[in-house]
Amino acid sequence: MTGQITRSSAVTASCNWLRGLRIYLASIATMNFAWESLQLPLYTIWNTGTAREQAFAVVHCTLGGCPDRA
């Protein structure tokens, strides 16, 4: 009976999969936020925009909806 899967092992596998997905998505979001922040000085909003506009641009682009910032 080595190939039998018990309910507790199936639940554990499900929890591990979800935990891995959460870690992956958090890592991607963090790295994307850092990438958008690092490249912000390359755009005109760095010189002409307010701090609020710059923060909005970084968050907006991190979420995937990057407008034409130049």
Foldseek 3Di string as FASTA:
>chain_A
DVPDDDPVNVVVVVVVVVVVVVVVVVVLLVVLLVVLVVCLVVFCCVVVNDPVVSVCQSVCVSVPNHDPRD
